[in-house]
All heavy atoms as atom14 arrays in JSON, in Angstrom:
{
  "sequence": "LGVAVLVPIMANIIVIDWVYLDAKGPIVNATIYFLMLLYILYYNR",
  "atom14_mask": [
    [1, 1, 1, 1, 1, 1, 1, 1, 0, 0, 0, 0, 0, 0],
    [1, 1, 1, 1, 0, 0, 0, 0, 0, 0, 0, 0, 0, 0],
    [1, 1, 1, 1, 1, 1, 1, 0, 0, 0, 0, 0, 0, 0],
    [1, 1, 1, 1, 1, 0, 0, 0, 0, 0, 0, 0, 0, 0],
    [1, 1, 1, 1, 1, 1, 1, 0, 0, 0, 0, 0, 0, 0],
    [1, 1, 1, 1, 1, 1, 1, 1, 0, 0, 0, 0, 0, 0],
    [1, 1, 1, 1, 1, 1, 1, 0, 0, 0, 0, 0, 0, 0],
    [1, 1, 1, 1, 1, 1, 1, 0, 0, 0, 0, 0, 0, 0],
    [1, 1, 1, 1, 1, 1, 1, 1, 0, 0, 0, 0, 0, 0],
    [1, 1, 1, 1, 1, 1, 1, 1, 0, 0, 0, 0, 0, 0],
    [1, 1, 1, 1, 1, 0, 0, 0, 0, 0, 0, 0, 0, 0],
    [1, 1, 1, 1, 1, 1, 1, 1, 0, 0, 0, 0, 0, 0],
    [1, 1, 1, 1, 1, 1, 1, 1, 0, 0, 0, 0, 0, 0],
    [1, 1, 1, 1, 1, 1, 1, 1, 0, 0, 0, 0, 0, 0],
    [1, 1, 1, 1, 1, 1, 1, 0, 0, 0, 0, 0, 0, 0],
    [1, 1, 1, 1, 1, 1, 1, 1, 0, 0, 0, 0, 0, 0],
    [1, 1, 1, 1, 1, 1, 1, 1, 0, 0, 0, 0, 0, 0],
    [1, 1, 1, 1, 1, 1, 1, 1, 1, 1, 1, 1, 1, 1],
    [1, 1, 1, 1, 1, 1, 1, 0, 0, 0, 0, 0, 0, 0],
    [1, 1, 1, 1, 1, 1, 1, 1, 1, 1, 1, 1, 0, 0],
    [1, 1, 1, 1, 1, 1, 1, 1, 0, 0, 0, 0, 0, 0],
    [1, 1, 1, 1, 1, 1, 1, 1, 0, 0, 0, 0, 0, 0],
    [1, 1, 1, 1, 1, 0, 0, 0, 0, 0, 0, 0, 0, 0],
    [1, 1, 1, 1, 1, 1, 1, 1, 1, 0, 0, 0, 0, 0],
    [1, 1, 1, 1, 0, 0, 0, 0, 0, 0, 0, 0, 0, 0],
    [1, 1, 1, 1, 1, 1, 1, 0, 0, 0, 0, 0, 0, 0],
    [1, 1, 1, 1, 1, 1, 1, 1, 0, 0, 0, 0, 0, 0],
    [1, 1, 1, 1, 1, 1, 1, 0, 0, 0, 0, 0, 0, 0],
    [1, 1, 1, 1, 1, 1, 1, 1, 0, 0, 0, 0, 0, 0],
    [1, 1, 1, 1, 1, 0, 0, 0, 0, 0, 0, 0, 0, 0],
    [1, 1, 1, 1, 1, 1, 1, 0, 0, 0, 0, 0, 0, 0],
    [1, 1, 1, 1, 1, 1, 1, 1, 0, 0, 0, 0, 0, 0],
    [1, 1, 1, 1, 1, 1, 1, 1, 1, 1, 1, 1, 0, 0],
    [1, 1, 1, 1, 1, 1, 1, 1, 1, 1, 1, 0, 0, 0],
    [1, 1, 1, 1, 1, 1, 1, 1, 0, 0, 0, 0, 0, 0],
    [1, 1, 1, 1, 1, 1, 1, 1, 0, 0, 0, 0, 0, 0],
    [1, 1, 1, 1, 1, 1, 1, 1, 0, 0, 0, 0, 0, 0],
    [1, 1, 1, 1, 1, 1, 1, 1, 0, 0, 0, 0, 0, 0],
    [1, 1, 1, 1, 1, 1, 1, 1, 1, 1, 1, 1, 0, 0],
    [1, 1, 1, 1, 1, 1, 1, 1, 0, 0, 0, 0, 0, 0],
    [1, 1, 1, 1, 1, 1, 1, 1, 0, 0, 0, 0, 0, 0],
    [1, 1, 1, 1, 1, 1, 1, 1, 1, 1, 1, 1, 0, 0],
    [1, 1, 1, 1, 1, 1, 1, 1, 1, 1, 1, 1, 0, 0],
    [1, 1, 1, 1, 1, 1, 1, 1, 0, 0, 0, 0, 0, 0],
    [1, 1, 1, 1, 1, 1, 1, 1, 1, 1, 1, 0, 0, 0]
  ],
  "atom14_positions": [
    [[-4.11, 5.16, -14.06], [-5.21, 5.64, -13.28], [-5.65, 4.79, -12.14], [-5.93, 5.2, -11.01], [-6.52, 5.78, -14.24], [-6.42, 6.93, -15.31], [-7.6, 6.88, -16.2], [-6.29, 8.26, -14.66], [0.0, 0.0, 0.0], [0.0, 0.0, 0.0], [0.0, 0.0, 0.0], [0.0, 0.0, 0.0], [0.0, 0.0, 0.0], [0.0, 0.0, 0.0]],
    [[-5.46, 3.4, -12.41], [-5.7, 2.51, -11.31], [-4.75, 2.73, -10.17], [-5.15, 2.7, -8.99], [0.0, 0.0, 0.0], [0.0, 0.0, 0.0], [0.0, 0.0, 0.0], [0.0, 0.0, 0.0], [0.0, 0.0, 0.0], [0.0, 0.0, 0.0], [0.0, 0.0, 0.0], [0.0, 0.0, 0.0], [0.0, 0.0, 0.0], [0.0, 0.0, 0.0]],
    [[-3.43, 2.9, -10.53], [-2.45, 3.14, -9.53], [-2.79, 4.46, -8.74], [-2.68, 4.52, -7.52], [-1.07, 3.21, -10.11], [-0.03, 3.66, -9.15], [-0.67, 1.85, -10.69], [0.0, 0.0, 0.0], [0.0, 0.0, 0.0], [0.0, 0.0, 0.0], [0.0, 0.0, 0.0], [0.0, 0.0, 0.0], [0.0, 0.0, 0.0], [0.0, 0.0, 0.0]],
    [[-3.23, 5.52, -9.54], [-3.53, 6.8, -8.87], [-4.69, 6.65, -7.9], [-4.74, 7.24, -6.85], [-3.91, 7.81, -9.89], [0.0, 0.0, 0.0], [0.0, 0.0, 0.0], [0.0, 0.0, 0.0], [0.0, 0.0, 0.0], [0.0, 0.0, 0.0], [0.0, 0.0, 0.0], [0.0, 0.0, 0.0], [0.0, 0.0, 0.0], [0.0, 0.0, 0.0]],
    [[-5.59, 5.71, -8.16], [-6.78, 5.47, -7.26], [-6.28, 4.67, -6.01], [-6.71, 4.93, -4.85], [-7.89, 4.73, -7.99], [-8.94, 4.17, -7.02], [-8.56, 5.62, -9.01], [0.0, 0.0, 0.0], [0.0, 0.0, 0.0], [0.0, 0.0, 0.0], [0.0, 0.0, 0.0], [0.0, 0.0, 0.0], [0.0, 0.0, 0.0], [0.0, 0.0, 0.0]],
    [[-5.36, 3.72, -6.25], [-5.02, 2.79, -5.21], [-3.94, 3.18, -4.25], [-3.93, 2.89, -3.14], [-4.65, 1.43, -5.85], [-5.78, 0.62, -6.49], [-5.29, -0.59, -7.25], [-6.88, 0.29, -5.51], [0.0, 0.0, 0.0], [0.0, 0.0, 0.0], [0.0, 0.0, 0.0], [0.0, 0.0, 0.0], [0.0, 0.0, 0.0], [0.0, 0.0, 0.0]],
    [[-2.99, 4.0, -4.73], [-1.9, 4.43, -3.84], [-2.36, 5.1, -2.55], [-2.04, 4.75, -1.57], [-0.79, 5.32, -4.65], [0.03, 6.14, -3.69], [-0.02, 4.37, -5.56], [0.0, 0.0, 0.0], [0.0, 0.0, 0.0], [0.0, 0.0, 0.0], [0.0, 0.0, 0.0], [0.0, 0.0, 0.0], [0.0, 0.0, 0.0], [0.0, 0.0, 0.0]],
    [[-3.3, 6.14, -2.63], [-3.77, 6.74, -1.39], [-4.58, 5.78, -0.57], [-4.47, 5.87, 0.67], [-4.58, 7.98, -1.84], [-4.75, 7.86, -3.37], [-3.77, 6.84, -3.85], [0.0, 0.0, 0.0], [0.0, 0.0, 0.0], [0.0, 0.0, 0.0], [0.0, 0.0, 0.0], [0.0, 0.0, 0.0], [0.0, 0.0, 0.0], [0.0, 0.0, 0.0]],
    [[-5.34, 4.82, -1.22], [-6.05, 3.92, -0.42], [-5.09, 2.95, 0.29], [-5.27, 2.73, 1.5], [-7.01, 3.08, -1.37], [-8.08, 3.93, -1.9], [-7.55, 1.8, -0.64], [-8.94, 3.26, -3.05], [0.0, 0.0, 0.0], [0.0, 0.0, 0.0], [0.0, 0.0, 0.0], [0.0, 0.0, 0.0], [0.0, 0.0, 0.0], [0.0, 0.0, 0.0]],
    [[-4.09, 2.48, -0.33], [-3.12, 1.57, 0.27], [-2.31, 2.26, 1.34], [-2.01, 1.71, 2.43], [-2.19, 0.91, -0.72], [-2.93, -0.04, -1.72], [-4.08, -1.18, -0.98], [-2.99, -2.06, 0.17], [0.0, 0.0, 0.0], [0.0, 0.0, 0.0], [0.0, 0.0, 0.0], [0.0, 0.0, 0.0], [0.0, 0.0, 0.0], [0.0, 0.0, 0.0]],
    [[-1.93, 3.55, 1.13], [-1.21, 4.28, 2.11], [-2.07, 4.41, 3.41], [-1.59, 4.27, 4.5], [-0.78, 5.69, 1.56], [0.0, 0.0, 0.0], [0.0, 0.0, 0.0], [0.0, 0.0, 0.0], [0.0, 0.0, 0.0], [0.0, 0.0, 0.0], [0.0, 0.0, 0.0], [0.0, 0.0, 0.0], [0.0, 0.0, 0.0], [0.0, 0.0, 0.0]],
    [[-3.39, 4.73, 3.19], [-4.28, 4.81, 4.29], [-4.42, 3.52, 5.03], [-4.45, 3.57, 6.3], [-5.63, 5.36, 3.86], [-6.52, 5.68, 4.89], [-6.18, 6.44, 5.86], [-7.74, 5.18, 4.93], [0.0, 0.0, 0.0], [0.0, 0.0, 0.0], [0.0, 0.0, 0.0], [0.0, 0.0, 0.0], [0.0, 0.0, 0.0], [0.0, 0.0, 0.0]],
    [[-4.52, 2.46, 4.37], [-4.65, 1.14, 4.98], [-3.35, 0.84, 5.83], [-3.55, 0.32, 6.91], [-4.89, 0.04, 3.93], [-6.33, 0.16, 3.36], [-4.71, -1.37, 4.54], [-6.69, -0.69, 2.18], [0.0, 0.0, 0.0], [0.0, 0.0, 0.0], [0.0, 0.0, 0.0], [0.0, 0.0, 0.0], [0.0, 0.0, 0.0], [0.0, 0.0, 0.0]],
    [[-2.25, 1.08, 5.25], [-0.96, 0.88, 5.98], [-0.97, 1.7, 7.28], [-0.61, 1.13, 8.32], [0.28, 1.15, 5.11], [0.38, 0.14, 3.98], [1.5, 1.21, 5.9], [1.35, 0.53, 2.91], [0.0, 0.0, 0.0], [0.0, 0.0, 0.0], [0.0, 0.0, 0.0], [0.0, 0.0, 0.0], [0.0, 0.0, 0.0], [0.0, 0.0, 0.0]],
    [[-1.32, 2.98, 7.18], [-1.35, 3.74, 8.41], [-2.38, 3.22, 9.43], [-2.09, 3.1, 10.67], [-1.6, 5.23, 8.1], [-1.86, 6.0, 9.35], [-0.46, 5.82, 7.32], [0.0, 0.0, 0.0], [0.0, 0.0, 0.0], [0.0, 0.0, 0.0], [0.0, 0.0, 0.0], [0.0, 0.0, 0.0], [0.0, 0.0, 0.0], [0.0, 0.0, 0.0]],
    [[-3.61, 2.89, 8.92], [-4.62, 2.32, 9.88], [-4.09, 1.0, 10.52], [-4.26, 0.86, 11.7], [-5.98, 2.16, 9.19], [-6.58, 3.55, 8.94], [-6.91, 1.33, 9.98], [-7.79, 3.54, 8.06], [0.0, 0.0, 0.0], [0.0, 0.0, 0.0], [0.0, 0.0, 0.0], [0.0, 0.0, 0.0], [0.0, 0.0, 0.0], [0.0, 0.0, 0.0]],
    [[-3.53, 0.17, 9.69], [-3.1, -1.11, 10.23], [-2.01, -0.92, 11.23], [-1.9, -1.56, 12.22], [-2.57, -1.96, 9.04], [-3.68, -2.67, 8.26], [-4.92, -2.39, 8.65], [-3.4, -3.22, 7.24], [0.0, 0.0, 0.0], [0.0, 0.0, 0.0], [0.0, 0.0, 0.0], [0.0, 0.0, 0.0], [0.0, 0.0, 0.0], [0.0, 0.0, 0.0]],
    [[-1.03, 0.0, 11.0], [0.08, 0.3, 11.83], [-0.42, 0.88, 13.19], [0.1, 0.54, 14.27], [1.03, 1.24, 11.18], [2.33, 1.51, 11.9], [3.24, 0.64, 12.41], [2.74, 2.78, 12.32], [4.18, 1.33, 13.02], [3.87, 2.66, 12.99], [2.25, 4.08, 12.17], [4.64, 3.75, 13.56], [2.89, 5.17, 12.65], [4.08, 5.01, 13.35]],
    [[-1.38, 1.76, 13.07], [-1.85, 2.55, 14.32], [-2.81, 1.6, 15.2], [-2.67, 1.61, 16.32], [-2.51, 3.8, 13.91], [-3.16, 4.44, 15.08], [-1.48, 4.79, 13.32], [0.0, 0.0, 0.0], [0.0, 0.0, 0.0], [0.0, 0.0, 0.0], [0.0, 0.0, 0.0], [0.0, 0.0, 0.0], [0.0, 0.0, 0.0], [0.0, 0.0, 0.0]],
    [[-3.67, 0.89, 14.5], [-4.78, 0.24, 15.25], [-4.65, -1.31, 15.37], [-5.25, -1.84, 16.32], [-6.14, 0.55, 14.6], [-6.53, 2.0, 14.71], [-6.41, 2.86, 13.65], [-6.97, 2.55, 15.89], [-6.82, 4.15, 13.86], [-7.3, 3.81, 16.1], [-7.22, 4.73, 15.05], [-7.53, 6.01, 15.12], [0.0, 0.0, 0.0], [0.0, 0.0, 0.0]],
    [[-3.93, -1.91, 14.48], [-3.92, -3.36, 14.53], [-2.63, -3.9, 15.18], [-1.56, -3.26, 15.06], [-4.0, -3.97, 13.1], [-5.15, -3.6, 12.32], [-5.1, -4.29, 10.94], [-6.44, -3.92, 12.95], [0.0, 0.0, 0.0], [0.0, 0.0, 0.0], [0.0, 0.0, 0.0], [0.0, 0.0, 0.0], [0.0, 0.0, 0.0], [0.0, 0.0, 0.0]],
    [[-2.78, -4.94, 15.87], [-1.63, -5.57, 16.53], [-1.01, -6.65, 15.66], [0.1, -7.15, 15.96], [-2.05, -6.23, 17.88], [-1.78, -5.36, 19.03], [-1.09, -4.36, 18.86], [-2.31, -5.72, 20.14], [0.0, 0.0, 0.0], [0.0, 0.0, 0.0], [0.0, 0.0, 0.0], [0.0, 0.0, 0.0], [0.0, 0.0, 0.0], [0.0, 0.0, 0.0]],
    [[-1.61, -7.03, 14.57], [-1.08, -8.07, 13.76], [-0.13, -7.48, 12.63], [-0.44, -6.49, 12.05], [-2.33, -8.79, 13.08], [0.0, 0.0, 0.0], [0.0, 0.0, 0.0], [0.0, 0.0, 0.0], [0.0, 0.0, 0.0], [0.0, 0.0, 0.0], [0.0, 0.0, 0.0], [0.0, 0.0, 0.0], [0.0, 0.0, 0.0], [0.0, 0.0, 0.0]],
    [[0.95, -8.15, 12.5], [1.94, -7.65, 11.46], [1.58, -8.15, 10.06], [1.93, -7.48, 9.06], [3.35, -8.2, 11.8], [3.84, -7.58, 12.99], [5.27, -8.04, 13.35], [5.72, -7.42, 14.64], [6.76, -8.07, 15.31], [0.0, 0.0, 0.0], [0.0, 0.0, 0.0], [0.0, 0.0, 0.0], [0.0, 0.0, 0.0], [0.0, 0.0, 0.0]],
    [[0.81, -9.16, 9.9], [0.45, -9.77, 8.63], [-0.27, -8.75, 7.71], [0.07, -8.56, 6.55], [0.0, 0.0, 0.0], [0.0, 0.0, 0.0], [0.0, 0.0, 0.0], [0.0, 0.0, 0.0], [0.0, 0.0, 0.0], [0.0, 0.0, 0.0], [0.0, 0.0, 0.0], [0.0, 0.0, 0.0], [0.0, 0.0, 0.0], [0.0, 0.0, 0.0]],
    [[-1.35, -8.07, 8.27], [-2.03, -7.11, 7.35], [-1.1, -6.02, 6.91], [-1.23, -5.48, 5.81], [-3.14, -6.64, 8.17], [-3.41, -7.62, 9.22], [-2.06, -8.33, 9.43], [0.0, 0.0, 0.0], [0.0, 0.0, 0.0], [0.0, 0.0, 0.0], [0.0, 0.0, 0.0], [0.0, 0.0, 0.0], [0.0, 0.0, 0.0], [0.0, 0.0, 0.0]],
    [[-0.21, -5.53, 7.75], [0.7, -4.48, 7.41], [1.61, -4.95, 6.26], [1.95, -4.2, 5.35], [1.48, -3.97, 8.6], [0.55, -3.36, 9.64], [2.62, -2.96, 8.18], [1.25, -3.02, 10.97], [0.0, 0.0, 0.0], [0.0, 0.0, 0.0], [0.0, 0.0, 0.0], [0.0, 0.0, 0.0], [0.0, 0.0, 0.0], [0.0, 0.0, 0.0]],
    [[2.17, -6.14, 6.46], [3.06, -6.67, 5.44], [2.3, -6.83, 4.06], [2.87, -6.41, 3.05], [3.59, -8.11, 5.85], [4.32, -8.77, 4.72], [4.51, -7.93, 7.02], [0.0, 0.0, 0.0], [0.0, 0.0, 0.0], [0.0, 0.0, 0.0], [0.0, 0.0, 0.0], [0.0, 0.0, 0.0], [0.0, 0.0, 0.0], [0.0, 0.0, 0.0]],
    [[1.08, -7.41, 4.09], [0.33, -7.53, 2.88], [0.1, -6.11, 2.18], [0.4, -5.93, 1.01], [-1.02, -8.14, 3.07], [-0.92, -9.64, 3.39], [0.01, -10.3, 3.02], [-1.91, -10.21, 4.08], [0.0, 0.0, 0.0], [0.0, 0.0, 0.0], [0.0, 0.0, 0.0], [0.0, 0.0, 0.0], [0.0, 0.0, 0.0], [0.0, 0.0, 0.0]],
    [[-0.38, -5.18, 2.91], [-0.68, -3.9, 2.39], [0.62, -3.25, 1.8], [0.6, -2.55, 0.83], [-1.39, -2.96, 3.44], [0.0, 0.0, 0.0], [0.0, 0.0, 0.0], [0.0, 0.0, 0.0], [0.0, 0.0, 0.0], [0.0, 0.0, 0.0], [0.0, 0.0, 0.0], [0.0, 0.0, 0.0], [0.0, 0.0, 0.0], [0.0, 0.0, 0.0]],
    [[1.72, -3.44, 2.58], [2.97, -2.79, 2.11], [3.49, -3.47, 0.86], [3.97, -2.77, -0.05], [4.02, -3.04, 3.31], [3.53, -2.28, 4.44], [5.34, -2.42, 2.8], [0.0, 0.0, 0.0], [0.0, 0.0, 0.0], [0.0, 0.0, 0.0], [0.0, 0.0, 0.0], [0.0, 0.0, 0.0], [0.0, 0.0, 0.0], [0.0, 0.0, 0.0]],
    [[3.24, -4.78, 0.68], [3.63, -5.49, -0.56], [2.86, -4.88, -1.73], [3.36, -4.59, -2.78], [3.5, -6.97, -0.41], [4.64, -7.51, 0.45], [3.56, -7.69, -1.73], [4.44, -8.95, 0.91], [0.0, 0.0, 0.0], [0.0, 0.0, 0.0], [0.0, 0.0, 0.0], [0.0, 0.0, 0.0], [0.0, 0.0, 0.0], [0.0, 0.0, 0.0]],
    [[1.49, -4.77, -1.52], [0.65, -4.17, -2.6], [1.1, -2.79, -2.87], [1.2, -2.35, -4.04], [-0.79, -4.19, -2.16], [-1.37, -5.58, -1.69], [-2.27, -5.58, -0.75], [-0.87, -6.73, -2.21], [-2.79, -6.81, -0.26], [-1.33, -7.98, -1.76], [-2.28, -7.94, -0.77], [-2.76, -9.1, -0.37], [0.0, 0.0, 0.0], [0.0, 0.0, 0.0]],
    [[1.39, -2.07, -1.9], [1.85, -0.6, -2.08], [3.15, -0.55, -2.92], [3.28, 0.25, -3.81], [2.01, 0.09, -0.68], [2.34, 1.53, -0.81], [1.33, 2.45, -1.07], [3.56, 1.99, -0.52], [1.6, 3.82, -1.24], [3.91, 3.34, -0.59], [2.92, 4.21, -0.92], [0.0, 0.0, 0.0], [0.0, 0.0, 0.0], [0.0, 0.0, 0.0]],
    [[4.07, -1.44, -2.55], [5.43, -1.37, -3.23], [5.2, -1.84, -4.65], [5.94, -1.34, -5.57], [6.39, -2.33, -2.5], [6.87, -1.79, -1.2], [7.71, -2.86, -0.44], [7.65, -0.47, -1.31], [0.0, 0.0, 0.0], [0.0, 0.0, 0.0], [0.0, 0.0, 0.0], [0.0, 0.0, 0.0], [0.0, 0.0, 0.0], [0.0, 0.0, 0.0]],
    [[4.3, -2.81, -4.93], [4.0, -3.23, -6.23], [3.4, -2.05, -7.09], [3.8, -1.85, -8.27], [3.04, -4.47, -6.26], [3.68, -5.73, -5.79], [2.51, -7.03, -5.86], [3.73, -8.44, -6.19], [0.0, 0.0, 0.0], [0.0, 0.0, 0.0], [0.0, 0.0, 0.0], [0.0, 0.0, 0.0], [0.0, 0.0, 0.0], [0.0, 0.0, 0.0]],
    [[2.53, -1.31, -6.5], [1.95, -0.13, -7.15], [3.19, 0.9, -7.43], [3.14, 1.48, -8.53], [0.92, 0.62, -6.3], [-0.36, -0.26, -6.13], [-1.26, 0.34, -5.06], [-1.11, -0.45, -7.44], [0.0, 0.0, 0.0], [0.0, 0.0, 0.0], [0.0, 0.0, 0.0], [0.0, 0.0, 0.0], [0.0, 0.0, 0.0], [0.0, 0.0, 0.0]],
    [[4.02, 1.05, -6.58], [5.19, 1.96, -6.75], [6.06, 1.49, -7.95], [6.53, 2.19, -8.67], [5.96, 2.17, -5.49], [5.27, 2.98, -4.37], [6.26, 3.16, -3.14], [4.77, 4.32, -4.83], [0.0, 0.0, 0.0], [0.0, 0.0, 0.0], [0.0, 0.0, 0.0], [0.0, 0.0, 0.0], [0.0, 0.0, 0.0], [0.0, 0.0, 0.0]],
    [[6.25, 0.14, -8.03], [6.98, -0.45, -9.15], [6.33, -0.11, -10.38], [7.01, 0.17, -11.42], [7.28, -1.93, -8.95], [8.03, -2.5, -10.15], [9.38, -2.28, -10.21], [7.37, -3.08, -11.17], [10.03, -2.66, -11.31], [8.01, -3.56, -12.25], [9.44, -3.36, -12.34], [10.1, -3.72, -13.46], [0.0, 0.0, 0.0], [0.0, 0.0, 0.0]],
    [[4.98, -0.25, -10.49], [4.24, 0.06, -11.79], [4.57, 1.51, -12.07], [4.72, 1.79, -13.3], [2.75, -0.22, -11.55], [2.53, -1.66, -11.23], [1.98, 0.28, -12.71], [1.13, -2.0, -10.79], [0.0, 0.0, 0.0], [0.0, 0.0, 0.0], [0.0, 0.0, 0.0], [0.0, 0.0, 0.0], [0.0, 0.0, 0.0], [0.0, 0.0, 0.0]],
    [[4.57, 2.43, -11.15], [4.91, 3.8, -11.36], [6.27, 3.93, -11.94], [6.58, 4.63, -12.93], [4.66, 4.65, -10.2], [3.22, 4.99, -9.75], [3.26, 5.77, -8.44], [2.46, 5.67, -10.84], [0.0, 0.0, 0.0], [0.0, 0.0, 0.0], [0.0, 0.0, 0.0], [0.0, 0.0, 0.0], [0.0, 0.0, 0.0], [0.0, 0.0, 0.0]],
    [[7.25, 3.29, -11.27], [8.65, 3.25, -11.76], [8.79, 2.77, -13.1], [9.5, 3.33, -14.0], [9.54, 2.49, -10.66], [10.93, 2.46, -11.16], [11.8, 3.49, -11.03], [11.45, 1.33, -11.71], [13.11, 3.45, -11.45], [12.77, 1.19, -12.13], [13.64, 2.31, -12.04], [14.9, 2.25, -12.48], [0.0, 0.0, 0.0], [0.0, 0.0, 0.0]],
    [[8.19, 1.63, -13.39], [8.29, 0.98, -14.69], [7.76, 2.0, -15.8], [8.33, 2.01, -16.83], [7.56, -0.34, -14.75], [7.52, -0.97, -16.1], [8.57, -1.71, -16.5], [6.44, -0.81, -16.92], [8.61, -2.36, -17.77], [6.4, -1.41, -18.22], [7.47, -2.17, -18.6], [7.51, -2.74, -19.87], [0.0, 0.0, 0.0], [0.0, 0.0, 0.0]],
    [[6.72, 2.67, -15.51], [6.17, 3.65, -16.45], [6.6, 5.09, -16.11], [5.82, 6.03, -16.46], [4.59, 3.52, -16.3], [4.15, 2.18, -16.71], [3.94, 1.95, -17.9], [3.86, 1.27, -15.75], [0.0, 0.0, 0.0], [0.0, 0.0, 0.0], [0.0, 0.0, 0.0], [0.0, 0.0, 0.0], [0.0, 0.0, 0.0], [0.0, 0.0, 0.0]],
    [[7.8, 5.27, -15.56], [8.23, 6.53, -15.13], [8.27, 7.59, -16.16], [7.93, 8.79, -15.95], [9.58, 6.42, -14.43], [10.72, 5.95, -15.25], [11.91, 5.61, -14.42], [12.98, 4.97, -15.18], [13.02, 3.71, -15.48], [12.07, 2.88, -15.02], [13.98, 3.14, -16.15], [0.0, 0.0, 0.0], [0.0, 0.0, 0.0], [0.0, 0.0, 0.0]]
  ]
}
């Protein structure tokens, strides 16, 4: 349930960071969190 709440939030953050921010750091951080959430889904597939 936590992953279900967080995946759309993290996807939205990645898009906002990519579109509006000039810094790569926040995109990298958000992408790492997003990939970790996807791993949790994969592990519990």
